[in-house]
Amino acid sequence: LAAAQNPVNPVPGRVRQVTFSDSNNSSSSSGHPNANPRELQPCLLYQTSCPLRCVSVLHSDSASRPLQVAVGSNSKSLHTFSLRGSSSELLGSKAVSAGEAVKACCHLLQSDRDFLNIHKGSVYALDWQRDRQLLVSGSNDKLLKICHADSGVVSSGLKGHNGTIRAVRFRGGEEGDGAVVASAGAGDCMPRLWDVAAGSCVSVLQAHPDAVHGLFWMD
């Protein structure tokens, strides 16, 4: 999955598109699947008039759960999509080009839910909760929002940062009400840990000398 500038009216530094590439089903012009696994053929998934800031993918872990994609932008909103099925379901066993395989995948993509104007500023960070239908988003309004992808419910906001939130990450493998989120960014540059169920900050970590742009849990 990749973000790209608008190819028709490119504006430097402004990302406006998200493209989906089915690298697992790539086929060469000779008709042999995976003859060139490095060949990526993009097709347009979503386009908007304002810059896109972040993309998060929740990979499918079972046949009953589709691959899901979330996109955050300067519109202060989130948009979610799902890939229901695979290109092989449309194409069968016939030999096709990599581009045809990707176009088949795009026909299986559908828009799930739009979380409109949930922030007061641009959305700079997103992450899916692995075992539940939750999304966390961070913004330059200094708030974290928890979105329920199934119901559409959005939290009132987790407050504590005093600068733009640049990175968010759920801790992997949560069950029940034990979801924990890490967040960080600019301002005081202090990463924070949050209890999602309680809606409260449980720990403030040592500050970095500059803005934090990435987070990773080591279990």
C-alpha atoms as a PDB file:
ATOM      1  CA  LEU A   1       0.000   0.000   0.000  1.00  0.00           C
ATOM      2  CA  ALA A   2       1.409   3.394  -0.930  1.00  0.00           C
ATOM      3  CA  ALA A   3       0.561   7.070  -0.996  1.00  0.00           C
ATOM      4  CA  ALA A   4       1.323   9.230  -4.012  1.00  0.00           C
ATOM      5  CA  GLN A   5       0.988  12.779  -5.260  1.00  0.00           C
ATOM      6  CA  ASN A   6      -1.803  13.694  -7.631  1.00  0.00           C
ATOM      7  CA  PRO A   7      -0.452  12.769 -11.097  1.00  0.00           C
ATOM      8  CA  VAL A   8      -2.744  15.244 -12.893  1.00  0.00           C
ATOM      9  CA  ASN A   9      -2.076  18.366 -10.834  1.00  0.00           C
ATOM     10  CA  PRO A  10       0.875  17.495  -8.599  1.00  0.00           C
ATOM     11  CA  VAL A  11       1.524  19.803  -5.661  1.00  0.00           C
ATOM     12  CA  PRO A  12       4.932  19.260  -4.011  1.00  0.00           C
ATOM     13  CA  GLY A  13       4.650  17.819  -0.535  1.00  0.00           C
ATOM     14  CA  ARG A  14       0.908  17.151  -0.751  1.00  0.00           C
ATOM     15  CA  VAL A  15      -0.131  13.530  -0.767  1.00  0.00           C
ATOM     16  CA  ARG A  16      -3.602  13.018  -2.239  1.00  0.00           C
ATOM     17  CA  GLN A  17      -3.879   9.381  -3.276  1.00  0.00           C
ATOM     18  CA  VAL A  18      -3.649   5.909  -1.803  1.00  0.00           C
ATOM     19  CA  THR A  19      -2.891   3.047  -4.157  1.00  0.00           C
ATOM     20  CA  PHE A  20      -3.225  -0.681  -3.599  1.00  0.00           C
ATOM     21  CA  SER A  21      -0.796  -3.170  -5.112  1.00  0.00           C
ATOM     22  CA  ASP A  22      -1.428  -6.903  -5.084  1.00  0.00           C
ATOM     23  CA  SER A  23       2.206  -8.049  -4.960  1.00  0.00           C
ATOM     24  CA  ASN A  24       1.248 -11.602  -3.950  1.00  0.00           C
ATOM     25  CA  ASN A  25      -0.677 -12.077  -7.196  1.00  0.00           C
ATOM     26  CA  SER A  26       1.791 -10.386  -9.512  1.00  0.00           C
ATOM     27  CA  SER A  27       2.124 -11.980 -12.946  1.00  0.00           C
ATOM     28  CA  SER A  28       4.593 -11.247 -15.707  1.00  0.00           C
ATOM     29  CA  SER A  29       3.702 -10.563 -19.323  1.00  0.00           C
ATOM     30  CA  SER A  30       4.628 -14.183 -19.991  1.00  0.00           C
ATOM     31  CA  GLY A  31       1.632 -15.253 -17.939  1.00  0.00           C
ATOM     32  CA  HIS A  32       3.540 -16.969 -15.145  1.00  0.00           C
ATOM     33  CA  PRO A  33       2.324 -15.939 -11.653  1.00  0.00           C
ATOM     34  CA  ASN A  34       5.035 -14.402  -9.457  1.00  0.00           C
ATOM     35  CA  ALA A  35       7.589 -14.493 -12.267  1.00  0.00           C
ATOM     36  CA  ASN A  36       8.716 -11.091 -11.047  1.00  0.00           C
ATOM     37  CA  PRO A  37       7.598 -10.672  -7.409  1.00  0.00           C
ATOM     38  CA  ARG A  38       9.199  -7.216  -7.207  1.00  0.00           C
ATOM     39  CA  GLU A  39       6.929  -5.836  -9.905  1.00  0.00           C
ATOM     40  CA  LEU A  40       4.278  -3.708  -8.198  1.00  0.00           C
ATOM     41  CA  GLN A  41       1.286  -2.518 -10.183  1.00  0.00           C
ATOM     42  CA  PRO A  42      -0.680   0.246  -8.428  1.00  0.00           C
ATOM     43  CA  CYS A  43      -4.307   1.181  -8.918  1.00  0.00           C
ATOM     44  CA  LEU A  44      -6.263   4.010  -7.313  1.00  0.00           C
ATOM     45  CA  LEU A  45      -8.049   3.172  -4.067  1.00  0.00           C
ATOM     46  CA  TYR A  46      -9.010   6.595  -2.744  1.00  0.00           C
ATOM     47  CA  GLN A  47      -8.476  10.187  -3.794  1.00  0.00           C
ATOM     48  CA  THR A  48      -9.427  13.458  -2.146  1.00  0.00           C
ATOM     49  CA  SER A  49      -8.849  17.163  -2.646  1.00  0.00           C
ATOM     50  CA  CYS A  50      -6.763  17.542   0.531  1.00  0.00           C
ATOM     51  CA  PRO A  51      -3.433  15.961   1.533  1.00  0.00           C
ATOM     52  CA  LEU A  52      -3.457  12.477   3.048  1.00  0.00           C
ATOM     53  CA  ARG A  53      -1.221  12.159   6.122  1.00  0.00           C
ATOM     54  CA  CYS A  54      -1.309   8.523   7.215  1.00  0.00           C
ATOM     55  CA  VAL A  55      -2.392   5.007   6.248  1.00  0.00           C
ATOM     56  CA  SER A  56      -2.837   1.942   8.459  1.00  0.00           C
ATOM     57  CA  VAL A  57      -3.495  -1.637   7.293  1.00  0.00           C
ATOM     58  CA  LEU A  58      -5.062  -4.423   9.345  1.00  0.00           C
ATOM     59  CA  HIS A  59      -4.038  -7.686   7.704  1.00  0.00           C
ATOM     60  CA  SER A  60      -6.568 -10.488   7.502  1.00  0.00           C
ATOM     61  CA  ASP A  61      -5.921 -13.333   9.954  1.00  0.00           C
ATOM     62  CA  SER A  62      -8.840 -15.533   8.893  1.00  0.00           C
ATOM     63  CA  ALA A  63     -11.088 -16.246   5.935  1.00  0.00           C
ATOM     64  CA  SER A  64     -13.989 -14.505   7.677  1.00  0.00           C
ATOM     65  CA  ARG A  65     -12.147 -11.214   8.269  1.00  0.00           C
ATOM     66  CA  PRO A  66     -11.088  -9.082   5.267  1.00  0.00           C
ATOM     67  CA  LEU A  67      -7.962  -6.996   4.955  1.00  0.00           C
ATOM     68  CA  GLN A  68      -8.830  -3.486   6.136  1.00  0.00           C
ATOM     69  CA  VAL A  69      -7.348  -0.077   5.376  1.00  0.00           C
ATOM     70  CA  ALA A  70      -7.721   3.234   7.213  1.00  0.00           C
ATOM     71  CA  VAL A  71      -6.702   6.643   5.841  1.00  0.00           C
ATOM     72  CA  GLY A  72      -6.265   9.947   7.706  1.00  0.00           C
ATOM     73  CA  SER A  73      -6.081  13.376   6.086  1.00  0.00           C
ATOM     74  CA  ASN A  74      -6.114  17.150   6.439  1.00  0.00           C
ATOM     75  CA  SER A  75      -9.907  16.959   6.297  1.00  0.00           C
ATOM     76  CA  LYS A  76      -9.831  16.082  10.043  1.00  0.00           C
ATOM     77  CA  SER A  77     -11.445  12.761   9.118  1.00  0.00           C
ATOM     78  CA  LEU A  78     -10.775   9.019   8.856  1.00  0.00           C
ATOM     79  CA  HIS A  79     -11.940   6.709   6.091  1.00  0.00           C
ATOM     80  CA  THR A  80     -11.955   2.910   6.229  1.00  0.00           C
ATOM     81  CA  PHE A  81     -12.027   0.340   3.430  1.00  0.00           C
ATOM     82  CA  SER A  82     -11.914  -3.447   3.190  1.00  0.00           C
ATOM     83  CA  LEU A  83     -10.711  -5.936   0.611  1.00  0.00           C
ATOM     84  CA  ARG A  84     -13.301  -8.698   0.555  1.00  0.00           C
ATOM     85  CA  GLY A  85     -11.878 -11.737  -1.184  1.00  0.00           C
ATOM     86  CA  SER A  86      -8.898 -12.049  -3.524  1.00  0.00           C
ATOM     87  CA  SER A  87      -8.177 -11.450  -7.191  1.00  0.00           C
ATOM     88  CA  SER A  88      -8.142 -15.217  -7.780  1.00  0.00           C
ATOM     89  CA  GLU A  89     -11.880 -15.285  -6.998  1.00  0.00           C
ATOM     90  CA  LEU A  90     -12.524 -13.035 -10.000  1.00  0.00           C
ATOM     91  CA  LEU A  91      -9.831 -14.305 -12.322  1.00  0.00           C
ATOM     92  CA  GLY A  92      -9.784 -18.007 -11.563  1.00  0.00           C
ATOM     93  CA  SER A  93      -6.725 -19.833 -12.905  1.00  0.00           C
ATOM     94  CA  LYS A  94      -6.296 -17.906 -16.147  1.00  0.00           C
ATOM     95  CA  ALA A  95      -2.965 -16.228 -16.771  1.00  0.00           C
ATOM     96  CA  VAL A  96      -3.108 -12.438 -16.561  1.00  0.00           C
ATOM     97  CA  SER A  97      -0.738  -9.515 -16.271  1.00  0.00           C
ATOM     98  CA  ALA A  98       0.175  -7.970 -12.935  1.00  0.00           C
ATOM     99  CA  GLY A  99      -1.927  -4.916 -13.791  1.00  0.00           C
ATOM    100  CA  GLU A 100      -5.008  -7.041 -14.476  1.00  0.00           C
ATOM    101  CA  ALA A 101      -4.584  -8.851 -11.163  1.00  0.00           C
ATOM    102  CA  VAL A 102      -4.425  -5.558  -9.266  1.00  0.00           C
ATOM    103  CA  LYS A 103      -7.466  -4.157 -11.066  1.00  0.00           C
ATOM    104  CA  ALA A 104      -9.356  -7.291 -10.043  1.00  0.00           C
ATOM    105  CA  CYS A 105      -8.415  -6.633  -6.400  1.00  0.00           C
ATOM    106  CA  CYS A 106      -9.631  -3.054  -6.675  1.00  0.00           C
ATOM    107  CA  HIS A 107     -13.053  -4.315  -7.761  1.00  0.00           C
ATOM    108  CA  LEU A 108     -13.192  -6.165  -4.438  1.00  0.00           C
ATOM    109  CA  LEU A 109     -12.430  -3.045  -2.398  1.00  0.00           C
ATOM    110  CA  GLN A 110     -15.332  -1.328  -0.705  1.00  0.00           C
ATOM    111  CA  SER A 111     -15.746   1.708   1.489  1.00  0.00           C
ATOM    112  CA  ASP A 112     -16.793   0.733   5.011  1.00  0.00           C
ATOM    113  CA  ARG A 113     -17.172   3.823   7.171  1.00  0.00           C
ATOM    114  CA  ASP A 114     -16.269   7.517   7.188  1.00  0.00           C
ATOM    115  CA  PHE A 115     -15.452   9.179  10.512  1.00  0.00           C
ATOM    116  CA  LEU A 116     -15.991  12.778   9.476  1.00  0.00           C
ATOM    117  CA  ASN A 117     -14.548  15.816  11.294  1.00  0.00           C
ATOM    118  CA  ILE A 118     -13.669  13.837  14.411  1.00  0.00           C
ATOM    119  CA  HIS A 119     -10.604  16.032  15.001  1.00  0.00           C
ATOM    120  CA  LYS A 120     -10.113  19.787  14.974  1.00  0.00           C
ATOM    121  CA  GLY A 121      -6.908  19.433  12.969  1.00  0.00           C
ATOM    122  CA  SER A 122      -5.185  17.162  10.472  1.00  0.00           C
ATOM    123  CA  VAL A 123      -4.879  13.441  11.266  1.00  0.00           C
ATOM    124  CA  TYR A 124      -1.187  12.531  11.397  1.00  0.00           C
ATOM    125  CA  ALA A 125      -1.180   9.036  12.906  1.00  0.00           C
ATOM    126  CA  LEU A 126      -3.363   5.905  12.803  1.00  0.00           C
ATOM    127  CA  ASP A 127      -3.257   2.349  14.094  1.00  0.00           C
ATOM    128  CA  TRP A 128      -5.647  -0.610  14.118  1.00  0.00           C
ATOM    129  CA  GLN A 129      -6.144  -2.706  17.237  1.00  0.00           C
ATOM    130  CA  ARG A 130      -5.230  -6.214  16.169  1.00  0.00           C
ATOM    131  CA  ASP A 131      -7.958  -8.269  17.870  1.00  0.00           C
ATOM    132  CA  ARG A 132     -10.844  -5.805  18.007  1.00  0.00           C
ATOM    133  CA  GLN A 133     -12.473  -3.343  15.620  1.00  0.00           C
ATOM    134  CA  LEU A 134     -10.808  -0.269  17.089  1.00  0.00           C
ATOM    135  CA  LEU A 135      -8.790   2.526  15.484  1.00  0.00           C
ATOM    136  CA  VAL A 136      -6.720   5.120  17.299  1.00  0.00           C
ATOM    137  CA  SER A 137      -5.908   8.439  15.639  1.00  0.00           C
ATOM    138  CA  GLY A 138      -3.610  11.313  16.563  1.00  0.00           C
ATOM    139  CA  SER A 139      -3.825  14.895  15.355  1.00  0.00           C
ATOM    140  CA  ASN A 140      -2.372  18.387  15.617  1.00  0.00           C
ATOM    141  CA  ASP A 141      -5.371  19.213  17.809  1.00  0.00           C
ATOM    142  CA  LYS A 142      -3.305  17.343  20.470  1.00  0.00           C
ATOM    143  CA  LEU A 143      -6.015  14.713  21.000  1.00  0.00           C
ATOM    144  CA  LEU A 144      -6.214  10.952  20.581  1.00  0.00           C
ATOM    145  CA  LYS A 145      -9.513   9.542  19.337  1.00  0.00           C
ATOM    146  CA  ILE A 146     -10.651   5.920  19.633  1.00  0.00           C
ATOM    147  CA  CYS A 147     -12.981   4.891  16.794  1.00  0.00           C
ATOM    148  CA  HIS A 148     -15.127   1.747  16.794  1.00  0.00           C
ATOM    149  CA  ALA A 149     -15.059   0.585  13.181  1.00  0.00           C
ATOM    150  CA  ASP A 150     -18.165  -1.600  13.518  1.00  0.00           C
ATOM    151  CA  SER A 151     -20.494   0.751  15.395  1.00  0.00           C
ATOM    152  CA  GLY A 152     -19.113   4.114  14.283  1.00  0.00           C
ATOM    153  CA  VAL A 153     -18.803   5.307  17.903  1.00  0.00           C
ATOM    154  CA  VAL A 154     -15.957   7.779  18.538  1.00  0.00           C
ATOM    155  CA  SER A 155     -14.479   8.593  21.955  1.00  0.00           C
ATOM    156  CA  SER A 156     -14.572  12.134  23.304  1.00  0.00           C
ATOM    157  CA  GLY A 157     -10.768  12.284  23.125  1.00  0.00           C
ATOM    158  CA  LEU A 158      -7.751  11.412  25.243  1.00  0.00           C
ATOM    159  CA  LYS A 159      -6.052  14.592  26.463  1.00  0.00           C
ATOM    160  CA  GLY A 160      -2.497  15.041  27.670  1.00  0.00           C
ATOM    161  CA  HIS A 161      -0.216  15.964  24.775  1.00  0.00           C
ATOM    162  CA  ASN A 162       0.687  19.616  24.250  1.00  0.00           C
ATOM    163  CA  GLY A 163       1.859  19.289  20.650  1.00  0.00           C
ATOM    164  CA  THR A 164       1.038  17.510  17.396  1.00  0.00           C
ATOM    165  CA  ILE A 165       0.665  13.747  17.860  1.00  0.00           C
ATOM    166  CA  ARG A 166       2.863  12.097  15.229  1.00  0.00           C
ATOM    167  CA  ALA A 167       2.798   8.409  16.213  1.00  0.00           C
ATOM    168  CA  VAL A 168       0.275   6.028  17.808  1.00  0.00           C
ATOM    169  CA  ARG A 169       0.489   2.276  18.369  1.00  0.00           C
ATOM    170  CA  PHE A 170      -1.786  -0.259  20.037  1.00  0.00           C
ATOM    171  CA  ARG A 171      -0.060  -2.892  22.067  1.00  0.00           C
ATOM    172  CA  GLY A 172      -0.464  -6.217  20.262  1.00  0.00           C
ATOM    173  CA  GLY A 173      -2.535  -9.113  21.578  1.00  0.00           C
ATOM    174  CA  GLU A 174      -4.963  -7.296  23.869  1.00  0.00           C
ATOM    175  CA  GLU A 175      -8.122  -9.085  24.934  1.00  0.00           C
ATOM    176  CA  GLY A 176     -11.300  -7.855  26.573  1.00  0.00           C
ATOM    177  CA  ASP A 177     -10.967  -4.332  27.957  1.00  0.00           C
ATOM    178  CA  GLY A 178      -7.179  -4.428  28.260  1.00  0.00           C
ATOM    179  CA  ALA A 179      -6.297  -2.351  25.208  1.00  0.00           C
ATOM    180  CA  VAL A 180      -3.275  -0.068  25.710  1.00  0.00           C
ATOM    181  CA  VAL A 181      -2.138   2.665  23.312  1.00  0.00           C
ATOM    182  CA  ALA A 182       1.236   4.375  23.083  1.00  0.00           C
ATOM    183  CA  SER A 183       1.391   7.875  21.598  1.00  0.00           C
ATOM    184  CA  ALA A 184       4.070  10.487  20.987  1.00  0.00           C
ATOM    185  CA  GLY A 185       4.847  13.562  18.944  1.00  0.00           C
ATOM    186  CA  ALA A 186       5.937  17.184  19.293  1.00  0.00           C
ATOM    187  CA  GLY A 187       5.440  19.668  22.143  1.00  0.00           C
ATOM    188  CA  ASP A 188       6.985  18.189  25.277  1.00  0.00           C
ATOM    189  CA  CYS A 189       8.140  15.171  23.180  1.00  0.00           C
ATOM    190  CA  MET A 190       7.080  12.768  25.944  1.00  0.00           C
ATOM    191  CA  PRO A 191       5.623   9.391  24.862  1.00  0.00           C
ATOM    192  CA  ARG A 192       2.488   8.437  26.785  1.00  0.00           C
ATOM    193  CA  LEU A 193       0.684   5.171  27.537  1.00  0.00           C
ATOM    194  CA  TRP A 194      -3.110   5.068  27.710  1.00  0.00           C
ATOM    195  CA  ASP A 195      -5.665   2.685  29.162  1.00  0.00           C
ATOM    196  CA  VAL A 196      -8.342   2.707  26.463  1.00  0.00           C
ATOM    197  CA  ALA A 197     -11.178   1.340  28.612  1.00  0.00           C
ATOM    198  CA  ALA A 198     -10.540   3.844  31.418  1.00  0.00           C
ATOM    199  CA  GLY A 199      -9.819   6.689  28.995  1.00  0.00           C
ATOM    200  CA  SER A 200      -6.811   7.779  31.028  1.00  0.00           C
ATOM    201  CA  CYS A 201      -3.051   8.187  30.743  1.00  0.00           C
ATOM    202  CA  VAL A 202      -1.262   5.551  32.831  1.00  0.00           C
ATOM    203  CA  SER A 203       2.339   6.542  32.193  1.00  0.00           C
ATOM    204  CA  VAL A 204       4.412   9.446  30.839  1.00  0.00           C
ATOM    205  CA  LEU A 205       7.847   8.391  29.574  1.00  0.00           C
ATOM    206  CA  GLN A 206      11.115  10.277  29.454  1.00  0.00           C
ATOM    207  CA  ALA A 207      11.155  13.093  26.926  1.00  0.00           C
ATOM    208  CA  HIS A 208      13.112  12.981  23.674  1.00  0.00           C
ATOM    209  CA  PRO A 209      15.162  16.006  22.587  1.00  0.00           C
ATOM    210  CA  ASP A 210      12.923  16.469  19.535  1.00  0.00           C
ATOM    211  CA  ALA A 211       9.569  15.363  18.114  1.00  0.00           C
ATOM    212  CA  VAL A 212       8.859  11.614  18.069  1.00  0.00           C
ATOM    213  CA  HIS A 213       7.732  10.214  14.688  1.00  0.00           C
ATOM    214  CA  GLY A 214       7.623   6.463  15.358  1.00  0.00           C
ATOM    215  CA  LEU A 215       6.674   3.906  18.012  1.00  0.00           C
ATOM    216  CA  PHE A 216       7.064   0.152  18.366  1.00  0.00           C
ATOM    217  CA  TRP A 217       6.110  -2.295  21.134  1.00  0.00           C
ATOM    218  CA  MET A 218       8.617  -4.994  22.132  1.00  0.00           C
ATOM    219  CA  ASP A 219       6.649  -7.725  23.948  1.00  0.00           C
END
